[in-house]
Amino acid sequence: MHFRHLGRYGLQISEITYGNWLTHGSQVEIDVATKCVRAALGHGVTIFDTADVDADGRAEEVPGAALQGERRESPEIFTKVYRPVGA
């Protein structure tokens, strides 16, 4: 995995981001989504992208649950806020 510095503060992130968009929390079962997140971690992915409106808010829960108990120095969850959930 290749990494890049984000900003001036020394944070290194993977060049590949794992995005769960609408699929996690609605189209993919939780156990499958968890396996996918953990596989991404195992391959060096450190950035997980989601948003509060994805799958009516459930998509944000997937990476949180999947990363629970993982001993990693720096997985980062990037989330976005755009419009009210359900709008």
N, C-alpha and C. Protein backbone atom coordinates (compact mmCIF):
# COMPACT_ATOMS: atom_id res chain seq x y z
N MET A 1 0.86 -1.18 0.00
CA MET A 1 0.00 0.00 0.00
C MET A 1 0.90 1.23 0.00
N HIS A 2 0.53 2.20 -0.78
CA HIS A 2 1.24 3.47 -0.80
C HIS A 2 0.50 4.45 0.11
N PHE A 3 1.26 5.33 0.74
CA PHE A 3 0.69 6.30 1.67
C PHE A 3 1.10 7.70 1.29
N ARG A 4 0.31 8.66 1.71
CA ARG A 4 0.59 10.08 1.47
C ARG A 4 0.38 10.85 2.77
N HIS A 5 1.06 11.98 2.86
CA HIS A 5 0.85 12.86 4.01
C HIS A 5 -0.37 13.73 3.76
N LEU A 6 -1.19 13.88 4.77
CA LEU A 6 -2.36 14.74 4.70
C LEU A 6 -2.08 15.98 5.51
N GLY A 7 -1.98 17.10 4.84
CA GLY A 7 -1.72 18.35 5.54
C GLY A 7 -0.30 18.44 6.06
N ARG A 8 -0.10 19.34 7.00
CA ARG A 8 1.22 19.60 7.56
C ARG A 8 1.45 18.95 8.92
N TYR A 9 0.57 18.07 9.34
CA TYR A 9 0.62 17.58 10.71
C TYR A 9 1.14 16.16 10.85
N GLY A 10 1.67 15.60 9.78
CA GLY A 10 2.28 14.28 9.87
C GLY A 10 1.34 13.10 9.72
N LEU A 11 0.06 13.36 9.49
CA LEU A 11 -0.88 12.27 9.32
C LEU A 11 -0.64 11.59 7.97
N GLN A 12 -0.37 10.30 8.01
CA GLN A 12 -0.19 9.53 6.79
C GLN A 12 -1.46 8.72 6.54
N ILE A 13 -1.94 8.77 5.31
CA ILE A 13 -3.14 8.04 4.94
C ILE A 13 -2.86 7.16 3.73
N SER A 14 -3.61 6.10 3.59
CA SER A 14 -3.47 5.22 2.44
C SER A 14 -3.97 5.94 1.19
N GLU A 15 -3.38 5.60 0.05
CA GLU A 15 -3.84 6.19 -1.20
C GLU A 15 -5.20 5.64 -1.62
N ILE A 16 -5.56 4.50 -1.09
CA ILE A 16 -6.85 3.91 -1.40
C ILE A 16 -7.78 4.11 -0.20
N THR A 17 -8.99 4.54 -0.50
CA THR A 17 -10.00 4.77 0.52
C THR A 17 -11.11 3.73 0.37
N TYR A 18 -11.58 3.24 1.48
CA TYR A 18 -12.71 2.31 1.47
C TYR A 18 -13.98 3.10 1.69
N GLY A 19 -14.85 3.13 0.69
CA GLY A 19 -16.12 3.84 0.82
C GLY A 19 -17.27 2.86 0.94
N ASN A 20 -18.15 3.09 1.89
CA ASN A 20 -19.26 2.16 2.06
C ASN A 20 -20.59 2.68 1.55
N TRP A 21 -20.69 3.89 1.17
CA TRP A 21 -21.82 4.56 0.55
C TRP A 21 -23.14 3.97 0.98
N LEU A 22 -23.99 3.61 0.05
CA LEU A 22 -25.32 3.10 0.39
C LEU A 22 -25.35 1.62 0.68
N THR A 23 -24.30 0.92 0.30
CA THR A 23 -24.34 -0.54 0.39
C THR A 23 -24.31 -1.06 1.82
N HIS A 24 -23.48 -0.50 2.65
CA HIS A 24 -23.39 -0.97 4.04
C HIS A 24 -24.54 -0.38 4.83
N GLY A 25 -25.24 -1.24 5.48
CA GLY A 25 -26.39 -0.81 6.26
C GLY A 25 -27.70 -0.98 5.52
N SER A 26 -27.62 -1.34 4.21
CA SER A 26 -28.86 -1.54 3.48
C SER A 26 -28.78 -2.70 2.49
N GLN A 27 -27.73 -2.77 1.67
CA GLN A 27 -27.66 -3.78 0.62
C GLN A 27 -26.71 -4.93 0.94
N VAL A 28 -25.82 -4.75 1.89
CA VAL A 28 -24.84 -5.78 2.26
C VAL A 28 -25.06 -6.13 3.72
N GLU A 29 -25.12 -7.42 4.00
CA GLU A 29 -25.30 -7.88 5.38
C GLU A 29 -24.15 -7.40 6.26
N ILE A 30 -24.43 -7.16 7.52
CA ILE A 30 -23.44 -6.63 8.46
C ILE A 30 -22.21 -7.53 8.55
N ASP A 31 -22.40 -8.84 8.62
CA ASP A 31 -21.24 -9.73 8.74
C ASP A 31 -20.36 -9.68 7.50
N VAL A 32 -20.96 -9.56 6.33
CA VAL A 32 -20.18 -9.44 5.08
C VAL A 32 -19.46 -8.09 5.04
N ALA A 33 -20.16 -7.03 5.42
CA ALA A 33 -19.55 -5.70 5.44
C ALA A 33 -18.38 -5.66 6.42
N THR A 34 -18.54 -6.29 7.57
CA THR A 34 -17.46 -6.35 8.55
C THR A 34 -16.24 -7.07 7.99
N LYS A 35 -16.47 -8.18 7.31
CA LYS A 35 -15.36 -8.91 6.68
C LYS A 35 -14.66 -8.04 5.63
N CYS A 36 -15.42 -7.28 4.87
CA CYS A 36 -14.84 -6.40 3.85
C CYS A 36 -13.98 -5.31 4.49
N VAL A 37 -14.50 -4.69 5.55
CA VAL A 37 -13.75 -3.64 6.25
C VAL A 37 -12.46 -4.22 6.83
N ARG A 38 -12.54 -5.37 7.45
CA ARG A 38 -11.35 -5.99 8.04
C ARG A 38 -10.35 -6.43 6.98
N ALA A 39 -10.84 -6.89 5.82
CA ALA A 39 -9.94 -7.24 4.71
C ALA A 39 -9.22 -5.99 4.21
N ALA A 40 -9.94 -4.89 4.11
CA ALA A 40 -9.31 -3.63 3.68
C ALA A 40 -8.22 -3.22 4.67
N LEU A 41 -8.50 -3.34 5.96
CA LEU A 41 -7.48 -3.06 6.98
C LEU A 41 -6.26 -3.95 6.80
N GLY A 42 -6.52 -5.20 6.55
CA GLY A 42 -5.43 -6.16 6.38
C GLY A 42 -4.55 -5.85 5.18
N HIS A 43 -5.10 -5.15 4.21
CA HIS A 43 -4.34 -4.77 3.02
C HIS A 43 -3.75 -3.37 3.12
N GLY A 44 -3.88 -2.75 4.28
CA GLY A 44 -3.24 -1.46 4.51
C GLY A 44 -4.11 -0.24 4.33
N VAL A 45 -5.38 -0.42 4.03
CA VAL A 45 -6.28 0.74 3.91
C VAL A 45 -6.47 1.35 5.28
N THR A 46 -6.30 2.66 5.37
CA THR A 46 -6.47 3.35 6.65
C THR A 46 -7.62 4.35 6.65
N ILE A 47 -8.20 4.62 5.50
CA ILE A 47 -9.26 5.62 5.38
C ILE A 47 -10.57 4.93 5.04
N PHE A 48 -11.59 5.23 5.82
CA PHE A 48 -12.93 4.68 5.61
C PHE A 48 -13.88 5.86 5.46
N ASP A 49 -14.57 5.91 4.32
CA ASP A 49 -15.41 7.05 3.97
C ASP A 49 -16.88 6.67 4.07
N THR A 50 -17.66 7.53 4.69
CA THR A 50 -19.09 7.32 4.85
C THR A 50 -19.76 8.68 4.94
N ALA A 51 -21.06 8.70 5.15
CA ALA A 51 -21.79 9.96 5.33
C ALA A 51 -23.03 9.69 6.17
N ASP A 52 -23.52 10.74 6.80
CA ASP A 52 -24.67 10.60 7.68
C ASP A 52 -25.94 10.22 6.93
N VAL A 53 -26.03 10.50 5.64
CA VAL A 53 -27.24 10.18 4.88
C VAL A 53 -27.18 8.82 4.20
N ASP A 54 -26.01 8.19 4.15
CA ASP A 54 -25.89 6.89 3.49
C ASP A 54 -26.69 5.84 4.25
N ALA A 55 -27.56 5.15 3.53
CA ALA A 55 -28.42 4.10 4.11
C ALA A 55 -29.17 4.63 5.33
N ASP A 56 -29.65 5.87 5.22
CA ASP A 56 -30.40 6.51 6.31
C ASP A 56 -29.64 6.53 7.62
N GLY A 57 -28.33 6.70 7.55
CA GLY A 57 -27.49 6.81 8.73
C GLY A 57 -26.88 5.50 9.20
N ARG A 58 -27.37 4.40 8.73
CA ARG A 58 -26.85 3.10 9.18
C ARG A 58 -25.45 2.83 8.65
N ALA A 59 -25.09 3.43 7.52
CA ALA A 59 -23.76 3.18 6.94
C ALA A 59 -22.64 3.66 7.85
N GLU A 60 -22.89 4.66 8.66
CA GLU A 60 -21.86 5.12 9.60
C GLU A 60 -21.62 4.11 10.71
N GLU A 61 -22.59 3.31 11.01
CA GLU A 61 -22.45 2.33 12.09
C GLU A 61 -21.56 1.16 11.69
N VAL A 62 -21.54 0.83 10.40
CA VAL A 62 -20.81 -0.35 9.93
C VAL A 62 -19.31 -0.24 10.21
N PRO A 63 -18.62 0.81 9.76
CA PRO A 63 -17.18 0.85 10.04
C PRO A 63 -16.89 0.92 11.54
N GLY A 64 -17.72 1.60 12.29
CA GLY A 64 -17.52 1.68 13.73
C GLY A 64 -17.58 0.31 14.38
N ALA A 65 -18.58 -0.47 14.00
CA ALA A 65 -18.71 -1.82 14.55
C ALA A 65 -17.60 -2.73 14.04
N ALA A 66 -17.26 -2.60 12.77
CA ALA A 66 -16.24 -3.47 12.17
C ALA A 66 -14.85 -3.18 12.74
N LEU A 67 -14.60 -1.94 13.11
CA LEU A 67 -13.28 -1.57 13.63
C LEU A 67 -13.16 -1.80 15.14
N GLN A 68 -14.27 -2.08 15.80
CA GLN A 68 -14.24 -2.30 17.24
C GLN A 68 -13.33 -3.48 17.56
N GLY A 69 -12.42 -3.27 18.47
CA GLY A 69 -11.50 -4.32 18.88
C GLY A 69 -10.27 -4.46 18.01
N GLU A 70 -10.24 -3.74 16.88
CA GLU A 70 -9.07 -3.80 16.02
C GLU A 70 -7.95 -2.97 16.64
N ARG A 71 -6.77 -3.54 16.68
CA ARG A 71 -5.62 -2.83 17.23
C ARG A 71 -4.87 -2.21 16.07
N ARG A 72 -5.19 -1.00 15.76
CA ARG A 72 -4.55 -0.27 14.67
C ARG A 72 -4.09 1.07 15.20
N GLU A 73 -2.99 1.53 14.66
CA GLU A 73 -2.48 2.82 15.10
C GLU A 73 -3.33 3.97 14.58
N SER A 74 -3.82 3.86 13.35
CA SER A 74 -4.48 5.03 12.81
C SER A 74 -5.51 4.74 11.73
N PRO A 75 -6.55 3.98 11.99
CA PRO A 75 -7.62 3.99 11.00
C PRO A 75 -8.39 5.29 11.15
N GLU A 76 -8.71 5.90 10.06
CA GLU A 76 -9.43 7.17 10.07
C GLU A 76 -10.79 6.96 9.43
N ILE A 77 -11.84 7.48 10.06
CA ILE A 77 -13.16 7.44 9.46
C ILE A 77 -13.51 8.86 9.04
N PHE A 78 -13.71 9.03 7.75
CA PHE A 78 -14.10 10.32 7.20
C PHE A 78 -15.60 10.28 6.97
N THR A 79 -16.31 11.22 7.52
CA THR A 79 -17.75 11.29 7.30
C THR A 79 -18.10 12.69 6.82
N LYS A 80 -19.24 12.79 6.16
CA LYS A 80 -19.66 14.06 5.60
C LYS A 80 -21.06 14.37 6.12
N VAL A 81 -21.38 15.63 6.18
CA VAL A 81 -22.73 16.06 6.56
C VAL A 81 -23.20 16.97 5.43
N TYR A 82 -24.34 16.62 4.83
CA TYR A 82 -24.83 17.43 3.72
C TYR A 82 -26.27 17.88 3.93
N ARG A 83 -27.17 16.94 4.04
CA ARG A 83 -28.58 17.28 4.19
C ARG A 83 -29.16 16.42 5.31
N PRO A 84 -30.31 16.79 5.81
CA PRO A 84 -30.91 15.99 6.88
C PRO A 84 -31.15 14.55 6.45
N VAL A 85 -30.94 13.61 7.35
CA VAL A 85 -31.20 12.21 7.06
C VAL A 85 -32.69 12.07 6.74
N GLY A 86 -32.96 11.33 5.67
CA GLY A 86 -34.35 11.12 5.25
C GLY A 86 -34.88 12.18 4.30
N ALA A 87 -34.05 13.20 4.00
CA ALA A 87 -34.52 14.27 3.09
C ALA A 87 -34.35 13.86 1.64
